[in-house]
Each structure stands twice: as structure tokens, then as C-alpha cells.
Amino acid sequence: MKITITGSLGHIGKPLTKNLIDQGHEVTVISSSPIRSTVIKQMGAIPSIGSLEDVGFLTESFIGADAVFTMVPPNNYFDPNLDLIAYYARLGNNYAKALSGAGIKRAVNLSTIGGHLEKGNGILKGAYHVEQALNTLRPEVAVTHVRPTSFYYNLYGYMESIKSEGAIFANHGTRPIPWVSPFDIARTVAEELTEIDGGTRFRYVVSEELTGDETARILGEALGIPNLSWKIITDDMVSDQLKSIGMNPTIAEGLTEMYAALQTGLLTEHYRKNKPELGKVKLRDFAKELTEVYQNNH
């Protein structure tokens, strides 16, 4: 199969590209960075360098593909001028136009848990807008929204408080947190991309479910901090902390609302009704990676 993927060689793109190439598929990787060309070629893929803001470029890159993987790359949460939701909506519309213009029949979109919610999900509203834009292509395009849960690597954001206070401070965690590894996401996306006929409308991905206390205990054991604790704080405290380190205030409030929705169960209600099998990568596996980074930086 000829498969085009967006997102360059990031946390998901790199293992996804390797997975597909190992299966014998012809893979084109879209990246905005010319310096990525060499690495993409070394992996055995075809680089397509350009901007996701350019619908013409996207359309040209999609033409001839049997399936396309779409995702909205991370942006700078500390940019005071960034309208994150508008950024998502714009790229979602770009993808819809390019997929239609290129005559693509199969698309797999990286969405998120809570991507079906129009409100109450904080920054995940952006993913909702992308889903809605791509849904307009049905039935001509078989679209599957892959909805991962909370990424393990979000735990890197707590490294400073782990070091200075021996604690992780969050406004969620009494309910089990559905954690996920990019490697499990990549496996799921690869399965969907190669399932040309039909495809499901959505598919959740989760690696392990752990409460905040269970998460802290596993990380503490790996880091050599046996008393590492997970402490629940208020929404206002979370928002104020994020703003104090220079995060865009609107995004800080959106992140706070997102995590609050995880705590209330709003974010996980639909997921629990459609819960998939757990993936292969557990927190103990990720903890080895986090420990190496923690020791090198502290």
C-alpha cells in the first residue's frame, strides 16, 4: 500500500513509519523541516517537505495514497498570541479539503479522548473541530478517529516538583487515569491504516489504568524516591501554576478544564462505554525512560 502520514517523525510518527515500512508499505512522511529529509530517507520512507497550512501542498502530497494519517502537531503553549482551538480548526479544515481534493478513500485521524465533546473538555475542543471537519467527508472517505488517552510523557511536566517537593500536584487522580504509550498508539494507527475496507468511526487506545497514587508509587520506585506522592490541588491552583511559568493564560485555563473533566468523569464516560483492550507498554516500561532523563537533568 501507499500510505502518507503527517506529523513528521515525532513520538507517534517515528514508530508508525517503522511499523508500516517493516510491513512492506510505501510510506511518505510529511514534515515542515527540511533537515528531517535525511532521517526520513534513512528509515526507508519518502520525505515530503512543506507546510500544513498550505492546502495545495497537502493535496499534492496525498494524491495517489491508498490511506492517509492526519494529526495536528503540537504547538507552543507559551506563545501569548496562539489561539490553540483556531489552530486545530484551521488544520482540520485544511486536511478535509486536501483529502477531498486528492480523492482519498481512507483516512485515519489522531484525535483524543474527549474528542467527541463540544464543550467541557478544555483544549481538547480543538480535536472536536478536527473530527467534525473530517466527518463531512463521509461516506466518500472512510474516516476513523483514533482517540488516545493520557500520554505517559505528560508526566515529564511534573519533574521539577518531583525533584523539589517529592510530589506530583494535580487536580485529578482519585479516579483511575487511563495512560497510553505512543508505541501502542502507533500500532493501533497502523492497523487502521491497513484496514482499507470501511473501518470503524472511532477507536480508543489505552495502555494502563492507574490512580494518581498508583502512578506516583511506580514512578517513585523507578526514581529511587519511595515517598513520592500524588497530591490533589484545586483547579485554581493548577491554573495559577501554569500561568506563573509563562503559559498562555487561555491555554492554561483550557488545560485545567481538561484535567478537571478527567477527575469528574466527563472525559472518560464515552471511553468507558467503548473501552478497548489494554496496550502492551506499561508505566513501569515508561518509568525507565523517565528515570534516565531525570537522572541526566538532575
C-alpha atoms as a PDB file:
ATOM      1  CA  MET A   1       0.000   0.000   0.000  1.00  0.00           C
ATOM      2  CA  LYS A   2       0.958   3.622  -0.474  1.00  0.00           C
ATOM      3  CA  ILE A   3       0.460   5.460   2.814  1.00  0.00           C
ATOM      4  CA  THR A   4       1.048   9.126   3.589  1.00  0.00           C
ATOM      5  CA  ILE A   5       1.464  10.255   7.170  1.00  0.00           C
ATOM      6  CA  THR A   6       1.559  13.713   8.716  1.00  0.00           C
ATOM      7  CA  GLY A   7       3.295  14.669  11.955  1.00  0.00           C
ATOM      8  CA  SER A   8       6.858  14.071  10.782  1.00  0.00           C
ATOM      9  CA  LEU A   9       8.956  11.686  12.925  1.00  0.00           C
ATOM     10  CA  GLY A  10       7.588  12.606  16.342  1.00  0.00           C
ATOM     11  CA  HIS A  11       6.559  10.430  19.290  1.00  0.00           C
ATOM     12  CA  ILE A  12       3.964   8.650  17.155  1.00  0.00           C
ATOM     13  CA  GLY A  13       5.216   9.290  13.613  1.00  0.00           C
ATOM     14  CA  LYS A  14       8.578   7.583  14.039  1.00  0.00           C
ATOM     15  CA  PRO A  15       7.337   4.219  15.390  1.00  0.00           C
ATOM     16  CA  LEU A  16       4.381   4.376  12.975  1.00  0.00           C
ATOM     17  CA  THR A  17       6.685   4.877   9.992  1.00  0.00           C
ATOM     18  CA  LYS A  18       8.929   1.997  11.101  1.00  0.00           C
ATOM     19  CA  ASN A  19       5.921  -0.257  11.670  1.00  0.00           C
ATOM     20  CA  LEU A  20       4.492   0.407   8.210  1.00  0.00           C
ATOM     21  CA  ILE A  21       7.837   0.073   6.426  1.00  0.00           C
ATOM     22  CA  ASP A  22       8.516  -3.212   8.243  1.00  0.00           C
ATOM     23  CA  GLN A  23       5.200  -4.434   6.834  1.00  0.00           C
ATOM     24  CA  GLY A  24       6.392  -3.596   3.327  1.00  0.00           C
ATOM     25  CA  HIS A  25       4.305  -0.488   2.664  1.00  0.00           C
ATOM     26  CA  GLU A  26       5.486   2.558   0.712  1.00  0.00           C
ATOM     27  CA  VAL A  27       5.395   5.428   3.197  1.00  0.00           C
ATOM     28  CA  THR A  28       5.521   9.162   2.518  1.00  0.00           C
ATOM     29  CA  VAL A  29       6.230  11.308   5.592  1.00  0.00           C
ATOM     30  CA  ILE A  30       5.138  14.945   5.596  1.00  0.00           C
ATOM     31  CA  SER A  31       7.361  17.269   7.603  1.00  0.00           C
ATOM     32  CA  SER A  32       7.788  21.021   7.814  1.00  0.00           C
ATOM     33  CA  SER A  33      11.504  20.614   8.497  1.00  0.00           C
ATOM     34  CA  PRO A  34      13.918  20.157   5.545  1.00  0.00           C
ATOM     35  CA  ILE A  35      16.546  18.722   7.891  1.00  0.00           C
ATOM     36  CA  ARG A  36      14.230  15.764   8.546  1.00  0.00           C
ATOM     37  CA  SER A  37      14.575  14.623   4.922  1.00  0.00           C
ATOM     38  CA  THR A  38      17.773  12.684   5.526  1.00  0.00           C
ATOM     39  CA  VAL A  39      16.415  10.771   8.529  1.00  0.00           C
ATOM     40  CA  ILE A  40      13.139  10.025   6.722  1.00  0.00           C
ATOM     41  CA  LYS A  41      15.088   8.614   3.768  1.00  0.00           C
ATOM     42  CA  GLN A  42      17.345   6.606   6.093  1.00  0.00           C
ATOM     43  CA  MET A  43      14.252   4.946   7.523  1.00  0.00           C
ATOM     44  CA  GLY A  44      13.217   3.930   4.026  1.00  0.00           C
ATOM     45  CA  ALA A  45      10.396   6.444   3.635  1.00  0.00           C
ATOM     46  CA  ILE A  46       9.794   9.280   1.167  1.00  0.00           C
ATOM     47  CA  PRO A  47      10.020  12.828   2.562  1.00  0.00           C
ATOM     48  CA  SER A  48       7.507  15.478   1.559  1.00  0.00           C
ATOM     49  CA  ILE A  49       8.588  18.828   2.951  1.00  0.00           C
ATOM     50  CA  GLY A  50       6.105  21.659   3.298  1.00  0.00           C
ATOM     51  CA  SER A  51       3.558  23.420   5.485  1.00  0.00           C
ATOM     52  CA  LEU A  52       0.303  22.003   6.814  1.00  0.00           C
ATOM     53  CA  GLU A  53      -1.084  25.494   6.296  1.00  0.00           C
ATOM     54  CA  ASP A  54      -0.704  25.003   2.516  1.00  0.00           C
ATOM     55  CA  VAL A  55      -3.732  23.093   1.204  1.00  0.00           C
ATOM     56  CA  GLY A  56      -2.176  22.822  -2.253  1.00  0.00           C
ATOM     57  CA  PHE A  57       0.937  21.172  -0.837  1.00  0.00           C
ATOM     58  CA  LEU A  58      -1.150  18.782   1.258  1.00  0.00           C
ATOM     59  CA  THR A  59      -3.332  17.819  -1.680  1.00  0.00           C
ATOM     60  CA  GLU A  60      -0.293  17.131  -3.848  1.00  0.00           C
ATOM     61  CA  SER A  61       1.280  15.039  -1.059  1.00  0.00           C
ATOM     62  CA  PHE A  62      -1.901  12.993  -0.617  1.00  0.00           C
ATOM     63  CA  ILE A  63      -2.519  12.214  -4.307  1.00  0.00           C
ATOM     64  CA  GLY A  64      -2.042   8.538  -5.079  1.00  0.00           C
ATOM     65  CA  ALA A  65      -2.146   7.364  -1.480  1.00  0.00           C
ATOM     66  CA  ASP A  66      -4.264   4.367  -0.515  1.00  0.00           C
ATOM     67  CA  ALA A  67      -4.571   5.769   3.012  1.00  0.00           C
ATOM     68  CA  VAL A  68      -3.617   8.944   4.866  1.00  0.00           C
ATOM     69  CA  PHE A  69      -2.855   9.542   8.550  1.00  0.00           C
ATOM     70  CA  THR A  70      -3.702  13.035   9.788  1.00  0.00           C
ATOM     71  CA  MET A  71      -2.661  14.657  13.025  1.00  0.00           C
ATOM     72  CA  VAL A  72      -2.294  18.198  14.352  1.00  0.00           C
ATOM     73  CA  PRO A  73       1.306  18.709  15.535  1.00  0.00           C
ATOM     74  CA  PRO A  74       1.931  20.205  18.983  1.00  0.00           C
ATOM     75  CA  ASN A  75       2.196  23.964  19.176  1.00  0.00           C
ATOM     76  CA  ASN A  76       3.855  26.400  21.576  1.00  0.00           C
ATOM     77  CA  TYR A  77       1.643  26.715  24.663  1.00  0.00           C
ATOM     78  CA  PHE A  78       3.798  29.627  25.825  1.00  0.00           C
ATOM     79  CA  ASP A  79       3.051  31.764  22.772  1.00  0.00           C
ATOM     80  CA  PRO A  80       0.805  34.560  24.092  1.00  0.00           C
ATOM     81  CA  ASN A  81      -0.685  35.077  20.629  1.00  0.00           C
ATOM     82  CA  LEU A  82      -1.595  31.452  19.915  1.00  0.00           C
ATOM     83  CA  ASP A  83      -5.289  30.670  19.513  1.00  0.00           C
ATOM     84  CA  LEU A  84      -4.960  26.914  20.002  1.00  0.00           C
ATOM     85  CA  ILE A  85      -8.546  25.988  19.163  1.00  0.00           C
ATOM     86  CA  ALA A  86      -8.459  28.058  15.968  1.00  0.00           C
ATOM     87  CA  TYR A  87      -5.154  26.371  15.043  1.00  0.00           C
ATOM     88  CA  TYR A  88      -6.761  22.943  15.321  1.00  0.00           C
ATOM     89  CA  ALA A  89      -9.886  24.009  13.436  1.00  0.00           C
ATOM     90  CA  ARG A  90      -7.810  25.514  10.631  1.00  0.00           C
ATOM     91  CA  LEU A  91      -5.681  22.395  10.129  1.00  0.00           C
ATOM     92  CA  GLY A  92      -8.765  20.201  10.345  1.00  0.00           C
ATOM     93  CA  ASN A  93     -10.345  22.151   7.510  1.00  0.00           C
ATOM     94  CA  ASN A  94      -7.082  22.008   5.547  1.00  0.00           C
ATOM     95  CA  TYR A  95      -6.987  18.240   5.886  1.00  0.00           C
ATOM     96  CA  ALA A  96     -10.623  17.907   4.811  1.00  0.00           C
ATOM     97  CA  LYS A  97     -10.013  19.999   1.686  1.00  0.00           C
ATOM     98  CA  ALA A  98      -6.806  18.133   0.799  1.00  0.00           C
ATOM     99  CA  LEU A  99      -8.270  14.660   1.338  1.00  0.00           C
ATOM    100  CA  SER A 100     -11.252  15.547  -0.820  1.00  0.00           C
ATOM    101  CA  GLY A 101      -9.122  17.226  -3.482  1.00  0.00           C
ATOM    102  CA  ALA A 102      -6.774  14.248  -3.676  1.00  0.00           C
ATOM    103  CA  GLY A 103      -9.614  11.738  -3.948  1.00  0.00           C
ATOM    104  CA  ILE A 104      -8.526   9.813  -0.846  1.00  0.00           C
ATOM    105  CA  LYS A 105     -10.850   6.985   0.222  1.00  0.00           C
ATOM    106  CA  ARG A 106      -9.309   6.035   3.595  1.00  0.00           C
ATOM    107  CA  ALA A 107      -8.160   8.369   6.385  1.00  0.00           C
ATOM    108  CA  VAL A 108      -7.127   7.742   9.966  1.00  0.00           C
ATOM    109  CA  ASN A 109      -7.094  10.803  12.197  1.00  0.00           C
ATOM    110  CA  LEU A 110      -5.274  11.188  15.501  1.00  0.00           C
ATOM    111  CA  SER A 111      -7.897  12.627  17.815  1.00  0.00           C
ATOM    112  CA  THR A 112      -8.076  12.227  21.600  1.00  0.00           C
ATOM    113  CA  ILE A 113     -10.203  11.002  24.437  1.00  0.00           C
ATOM    114  CA  GLY A 114     -12.896  13.664  24.754  1.00  0.00           C
ATOM    115  CA  GLY A 115     -12.634  14.471  21.043  1.00  0.00           C
ATOM    116  CA  HIS A 116     -16.372  13.855  20.673  1.00  0.00           C
ATOM    117  CA  LEU A 117     -17.231  16.619  23.176  1.00  0.00           C
ATOM    118  CA  GLU A 118     -18.130  20.112  22.030  1.00  0.00           C
ATOM    119  CA  LYS A 119     -17.641  21.662  25.479  1.00  0.00           C
ATOM    120  CA  GLY A 120     -16.298  20.945  28.946  1.00  0.00           C
ATOM    121  CA  ASN A 121     -13.128  19.331  27.616  1.00  0.00           C
ATOM    122  CA  GLY A 122     -10.791  22.340  27.660  1.00  0.00           C
ATOM    123  CA  ILE A 123      -8.103  22.390  24.982  1.00  0.00           C
ATOM    124  CA  LEU A 124      -9.498  19.161  23.528  1.00  0.00           C
ATOM    125  CA  LYS A 125     -12.176  21.258  21.837  1.00  0.00           C
ATOM    126  CA  GLY A 126      -9.588  21.618  19.096  1.00  0.00           C
ATOM    127  CA  ALA A 127      -9.707  17.888  18.395  1.00  0.00           C
ATOM    128  CA  TYR A 128     -13.509  18.065  18.309  1.00  0.00           C
ATOM    129  CA  HIS A 129     -13.321  20.625  15.497  1.00  0.00           C
ATOM    130  CA  VAL A 130     -10.922  18.401  13.531  1.00  0.00           C
ATOM    131  CA  GLU A 131     -13.242  15.410  13.929  1.00  0.00           C
ATOM    132  CA  GLN A 132     -16.218  17.452  12.741  1.00  0.00           C
ATOM    133  CA  ALA A 133     -14.345  18.748   9.686  1.00  0.00           C
ATOM    134  CA  LEU A 134     -13.278  15.249   8.621  1.00  0.00           C
ATOM    135  CA  ASN A 135     -16.721  13.775   9.290  1.00  0.00           C
ATOM    136  CA  THR A 136     -18.091  15.944   6.476  1.00  0.00           C
ATOM    137  CA  LEU A 137     -16.160  13.716   4.054  1.00  0.00           C
ATOM    138  CA  ARG A 138     -18.209  10.630   4.824  1.00  0.00           C
ATOM    139  CA  PRO A 139     -19.261   8.391   3.153  1.00  0.00           C
ATOM    140  CA  GLU A 140     -16.870   9.150   0.277  1.00  0.00           C
ATOM    141  CA  VAL A 141     -13.942   8.854   2.705  1.00  0.00           C
ATOM    142  CA  ALA A 142     -13.852   6.125   5.365  1.00  0.00           C
ATOM    143  CA  VAL A 143     -12.608   8.106   8.376  1.00  0.00           C
ATOM    144  CA  THR A 144     -11.514   6.577  11.670  1.00  0.00           C
ATOM    145  CA  HIS A 145     -10.735   8.796  14.655  1.00  0.00           C
ATOM    146  CA  VAL A 146      -8.115   7.176  16.882  1.00  0.00           C
ATOM    147  CA  ARG A 147      -8.618   8.526  20.402  1.00  0.00           C
ATOM    148  CA  PRO A 148      -5.658   8.002  22.725  1.00  0.00           C
ATOM    149  CA  THR A 149      -5.978   8.674  26.437  1.00  0.00           C
ATOM    150  CA  SER A 150      -3.479  10.493  28.716  1.00  0.00           C
ATOM    151  CA  PHE A 151       0.064  10.254  27.342  1.00  0.00           C
ATOM    152  CA  TYR A 152       2.726   8.826  29.648  1.00  0.00           C
ATOM    153  CA  TYR A 153       5.118  11.540  28.533  1.00  0.00           C
ATOM    154  CA  ASN A 154       2.864  14.223  30.046  1.00  0.00           C
ATOM    155  CA  LEU A 155       4.479  13.094  33.303  1.00  0.00           C
ATOM    156  CA  TYR A 156       7.655  14.906  32.234  1.00  0.00           C
ATOM    157  CA  GLY A 157       5.814  18.106  33.134  1.00  0.00           C
ATOM    158  CA  TYR A 158       5.990  17.156  36.815  1.00  0.00           C
ATOM    159  CA  MET A 159       9.743  16.578  37.000  1.00  0.00           C
ATOM    160  CA  GLU A 160      10.521  19.854  38.765  1.00  0.00           C
ATOM    161  CA  SER A 161       8.028  19.293  41.580  1.00  0.00           C
ATOM    162  CA  ILE A 162       9.177  15.680  41.883  1.00  0.00           C
ATOM    163  CA  LYS A 163      12.709  16.932  42.437  1.00  0.00           C
ATOM    164  CA  SER A 164      11.952  19.920  44.675  1.00  0.00           C
ATOM    165  CA  GLU A 165       8.995  18.645  46.689  1.00  0.00           C
ATOM    166  CA  GLY A 166       8.853  14.891  46.180  1.00  0.00           C
ATOM    167  CA  ALA A 167       5.328  15.215  44.871  1.00  0.00           C
ATOM    168  CA  ILE A 168       3.144  15.454  41.793  1.00  0.00           C
ATOM    169  CA  PHE A 169       0.477  18.154  42.137  1.00  0.00           C
ATOM    170  CA  ALA A 170      -2.676  17.763  40.033  1.00  0.00           C
ATOM    171  CA  ASN A 171      -6.417  18.435  40.065  1.00  0.00           C
ATOM    172  CA  HIS A 172      -7.189  14.831  39.113  1.00  0.00           C
ATOM    173  CA  GLY A 173      -6.103  11.352  40.093  1.00  0.00           C
ATOM    174  CA  THR A 174      -8.566   9.919  42.587  1.00  0.00           C
ATOM    175  CA  ARG A 175     -10.253   8.128  39.667  1.00  0.00           C
ATOM    176  CA  PRO A 176      -8.126   5.751  37.565  1.00  0.00           C
ATOM    177  CA  ILE A 177      -6.201   7.676  34.914  1.00  0.00           C
ATOM    178  CA  PRO A 178      -6.126   5.938  31.520  1.00  0.00           C
ATOM    179  CA  TRP A 179      -2.480   6.209  30.442  1.00  0.00           C
ATOM    180  CA  VAL A 180      -1.157   5.470  26.965  1.00  0.00           C
ATOM    181  CA  SER A 181       2.164   4.985  25.186  1.00  0.00           C
ATOM    182  CA  PRO A 182       2.915   6.413  21.710  1.00  0.00           C
ATOM    183  CA  PHE A 183       4.058   2.928  20.705  1.00  0.00           C
ATOM    184  CA  ASP A 184       0.612   1.476  21.414  1.00  0.00           C
ATOM    185  CA  ILE A 185      -0.950   4.393  19.519  1.00  0.00           C
ATOM    186  CA  ALA A 186       1.350   3.762  16.538  1.00  0.00           C
ATOM    187  CA  ARG A 187       0.372   0.087  16.481  1.00  0.00           C
ATOM    188  CA  THR A 188      -3.317   0.962  16.504  1.00  0.00           C
ATOM    189  CA  VAL A 189      -2.955   3.594  13.767  1.00  0.00           C
ATOM    190  CA  ALA A 190      -1.003   1.121  11.613  1.00  0.00           C
ATOM    191  CA  GLU A 191      -3.782  -1.446  11.991  1.00  0.00           C
ATOM    192  CA  GLU A 192      -6.416   1.084  10.945  1.00  0.00           C
ATOM    193  CA  LEU A 193      -4.420   2.462   8.002  1.00  0.00           C
ATOM    194  CA  THR A 194      -4.066  -1.002   6.508  1.00  0.00           C
ATOM    195  CA  GLU A 195      -7.768  -1.776   7.025  1.00  0.00           C
ATOM    196  CA  ILE A 196      -8.953  -0.222   3.771  1.00  0.00           C
ATOM    197  CA  ASP A 197     -12.485  -1.600   3.650  1.00  0.00           C
ATOM    198  CA  GLY A 198     -14.723   0.511   5.855  1.00  0.00           C
ATOM    199  CA  GLY A 199     -13.037   0.977   9.158  1.00  0.00           C
ATOM    200  CA  THR A 200     -14.585   1.972  12.460  1.00  0.00           C
ATOM    201  CA  ARG A 201     -15.772   5.504  13.147  1.00  0.00           C
ATOM    202  CA  PHE A 202     -13.610   5.787  16.279  1.00  0.00           C
ATOM    203  CA  ARG A 203     -11.207   3.682  18.294  1.00  0.00           C
ATOM    204  CA  TYR A 204      -9.776   4.364  21.736  1.00  0.00           C
ATOM    205  CA  VAL A 205      -6.230   3.455  22.721  1.00  0.00           C
ATOM    206  CA  VAL A 206      -5.079   2.883  26.315  1.00  0.00           C
ATOM    207  CA  SER A 207      -2.054   1.144  27.792  1.00  0.00           C
ATOM    208  CA  GLU A 208      -2.804   1.015  31.524  1.00  0.00           C
ATOM    209  CA  GLU A 209      -5.213   2.467  34.082  1.00  0.00           C
ATOM    210  CA  LEU A 210      -3.784   3.726  37.371  1.00  0.00           C
ATOM    211  CA  THR A 211      -4.873   6.154  40.055  1.00  0.00           C
ATOM    212  CA  GLY A 212      -2.613   9.075  40.893  1.00  0.00           C
ATOM    213  CA  ASP A 213      -1.332   7.265  43.999  1.00  0.00           C
ATOM    214  CA  GLU A 214      -0.539   4.124  41.978  1.00  0.00           C
ATOM    215  CA  THR A 215       1.194   6.238  39.323  1.00  0.00           C
ATOM    216  CA  ALA A 216       3.319   8.006  41.939  1.00  0.00           C
ATOM    217  CA  ARG A 217       4.291   4.735  43.619  1.00  0.00           C
ATOM    218  CA  ILE A 218       5.536   3.180  40.365  1.00  0.00           C
ATOM    219  CA  LEU A 219       7.462   6.318  39.398  1.00  0.00           C
ATOM    220  CA  GLY A 220       8.862   6.665  42.904  1.00  0.00           C
ATOM    221  CA  GLU A 221      10.212   3.128  42.838  1.00  0.00           C
ATOM    222  CA  ALA A 222      11.904   3.745  39.486  1.00  0.00           C
ATOM    223  CA  LEU A 223      13.330   7.128  40.515  1.00  0.00           C
ATOM    224  CA  GLY A 224      14.531   5.982  43.928  1.00  0.00           C
ATOM    225  CA  ILE A 225      12.038   8.294  45.667  1.00  0.00           C
ATOM    226  CA  PRO A 226       9.978   5.805  47.726  1.00  0.00           C
ATOM    227  CA  ASN A 227       7.808   8.505  49.298  1.00  0.00           C
ATOM    228  CA  LEU A 228       6.848  10.208  46.024  1.00  0.00           C
ATOM    229  CA  SER A 229       3.229  11.293  46.418  1.00  0.00           C
ATOM    230  CA  TRP A 230       0.367  12.408  44.187  1.00  0.00           C
ATOM    231  CA  LYS A 231      -1.332  15.403  45.774  1.00  0.00           C
ATOM    232  CA  ILE A 232      -4.719  16.739  44.697  1.00  0.00           C
ATOM    233  CA  ILE A 233      -4.923  20.520  44.445  1.00  0.00           C
ATOM    234  CA  THR A 234      -7.674  22.866  43.284  1.00  0.00           C
ATOM    235  CA  ASP A 235      -8.388  23.909  39.706  1.00  0.00           C
ATOM    236  CA  ASP A 236      -7.400  27.478  40.545  1.00  0.00           C
ATOM    237  CA  MET A 237      -4.065  26.317  41.921  1.00  0.00           C
ATOM    238  CA  VAL A 238      -3.319  24.343  38.747  1.00  0.00           C
ATOM    239  CA  SER A 239      -4.280  27.271  36.517  1.00  0.00           C
ATOM    240  CA  ASP A 240      -2.240  29.734  38.584  1.00  0.00           C
ATOM    241  CA  GLN A 241       0.820  27.455  38.499  1.00  0.00           C
ATOM    242  CA  LEU A 242       0.680  27.141  34.718  1.00  0.00           C
ATOM    243  CA  LYS A 243       0.285  30.879  34.268  1.00  0.00           C
ATOM    244  CA  SER A 244       3.152  31.553  36.699  1.00  0.00           C
ATOM    245  CA  ILE A 245       5.593  29.718  34.420  1.00  0.00           C
ATOM    246  CA  GLY A 246       4.525  31.846  31.455  1.00  0.00           C
ATOM    247  CA  MET A 247       1.930  29.679  29.752  1.00  0.00           C
ATOM    248  CA  ASN A 248      -0.643  31.378  27.543  1.00  0.00           C
ATOM    249  CA  PRO A 249      -3.478  32.122  30.051  1.00  0.00           C
ATOM    250  CA  THR A 250      -6.248  30.801  27.808  1.00  0.00           C
ATOM    251  CA  ILE A 251      -4.360  27.560  27.237  1.00  0.00           C
ATOM    252  CA  ALA A 252      -3.592  27.270  30.963  1.00  0.00           C
ATOM    253  CA  GLU A 253      -7.305  27.524  31.712  1.00  0.00           C
ATOM    254  CA  GLY A 254      -8.061  25.023  28.945  1.00  0.00           C
ATOM    255  CA  LEU A 255      -5.591  22.502  30.331  1.00  0.00           C
ATOM    256  CA  THR A 256      -7.065  22.942  33.794  1.00  0.00           C
ATOM    257  CA  GLU A 257     -10.580  22.322  32.480  1.00  0.00           C
ATOM    258  CA  MET A 258      -9.372  19.257  30.584  1.00  0.00           C
ATOM    259  CA  TYR A 259      -7.855  17.671  33.686  1.00  0.00           C
ATOM    260  CA  ALA A 260     -10.886  18.638  35.765  1.00  0.00           C
ATOM    261  CA  ALA A 261     -13.042  16.762  33.247  1.00  0.00           C
ATOM    262  CA  LEU A 262     -10.820  13.733  33.776  1.00  0.00           C
ATOM    263  CA  GLN A 263     -11.489  13.987  37.506  1.00  0.00           C
ATOM    264  CA  THR A 264     -15.274  14.354  37.175  1.00  0.00           C
ATOM    265  CA  GLY A 265     -15.509  11.531  34.654  1.00  0.00           C
ATOM    266  CA  LEU A 266     -16.850  13.691  31.821  1.00  0.00           C
ATOM    267  CA  LEU A 267     -13.769  12.949  29.732  1.00  0.00           C
ATOM    268  CA  THR A 268     -13.867   9.182  30.300  1.00  0.00           C
ATOM    269  CA  GLU A 269     -17.607   8.448  30.162  1.00  0.00           C
ATOM    270  CA  HIS A 270     -17.726   7.588  26.430  1.00  0.00           C
ATOM    271  CA  TYR A 271     -14.331   5.879  26.615  1.00  0.00           C
ATOM    272  CA  ARG A 272     -15.524   3.542  29.361  1.00  0.00           C
ATOM    273  CA  LYS A 273     -18.543   2.541  27.279  1.00  0.00           C
ATOM    274  CA  ASN A 274     -16.199   1.719  24.367  1.00  0.00           C
ATOM    275  CA  LYS A 275     -13.124   0.585  26.280  1.00  0.00           C
ATOM    276  CA  PRO A 276     -10.522  -1.279  24.182  1.00  0.00           C
ATOM    277  CA  GLU A 277      -8.081  -3.933  25.276  1.00  0.00           C
ATOM    278  CA  LEU A 278      -5.077  -2.569  27.150  1.00  0.00           C
ATOM    279  CA  GLY A 279      -1.937  -1.995  25.102  1.00  0.00           C
ATOM    280  CA  LYS A 280       1.466  -3.585  25.632  1.00  0.00           C
ATOM    281  CA  VAL A 281       3.510  -0.718  27.124  1.00  0.00           C
ATOM    282  CA  LYS A 282       3.045  -0.278  30.874  1.00  0.00           C
ATOM    283  CA  LEU A 283       4.015   2.605  33.151  1.00  0.00           C
ATOM    284  CA  ARG A 284       6.943   0.590  34.516  1.00  0.00           C
ATOM    285  CA  ASP A 285       8.324   0.475  30.959  1.00  0.00           C
ATOM    286  CA  PHE A 286       7.953   4.228  30.525  1.00  0.00           C
ATOM    287  CA  ALA A 287       9.381   4.837  34.010  1.00  0.00           C
ATOM    288  CA  LYS A 288      12.757   3.524  32.818  1.00  0.00           C
ATOM    289  CA  GLU A 289      12.841   6.217  30.117  1.00  0.00           C
ATOM    290  CA  LEU A 290      11.704   8.939  32.524  1.00  0.00           C
ATOM    291  CA  THR A 291      14.309   7.862  35.118  1.00  0.00           C
ATOM    292  CA  GLU A 292      17.121   8.162  32.588  1.00  0.00           C
ATOM    293  CA  VAL A 293      16.018  11.673  31.622  1.00  0.00           C
ATOM    294  CA  TYR A 294      15.515  12.655  35.270  1.00  0.00           C
ATOM    295  CA  GLN A 295      18.995  11.470  36.275  1.00  0.00           C
ATOM    296  CA  ASN A 296      20.650  13.219  33.314  1.00  0.00           C
ATOM    297  CA  ASN A 297      18.937  16.509  34.149  1.00  0.00           C
ATOM    298  CA  HIS A 298      19.166  16.433  37.922  1.00  0.00           C
END
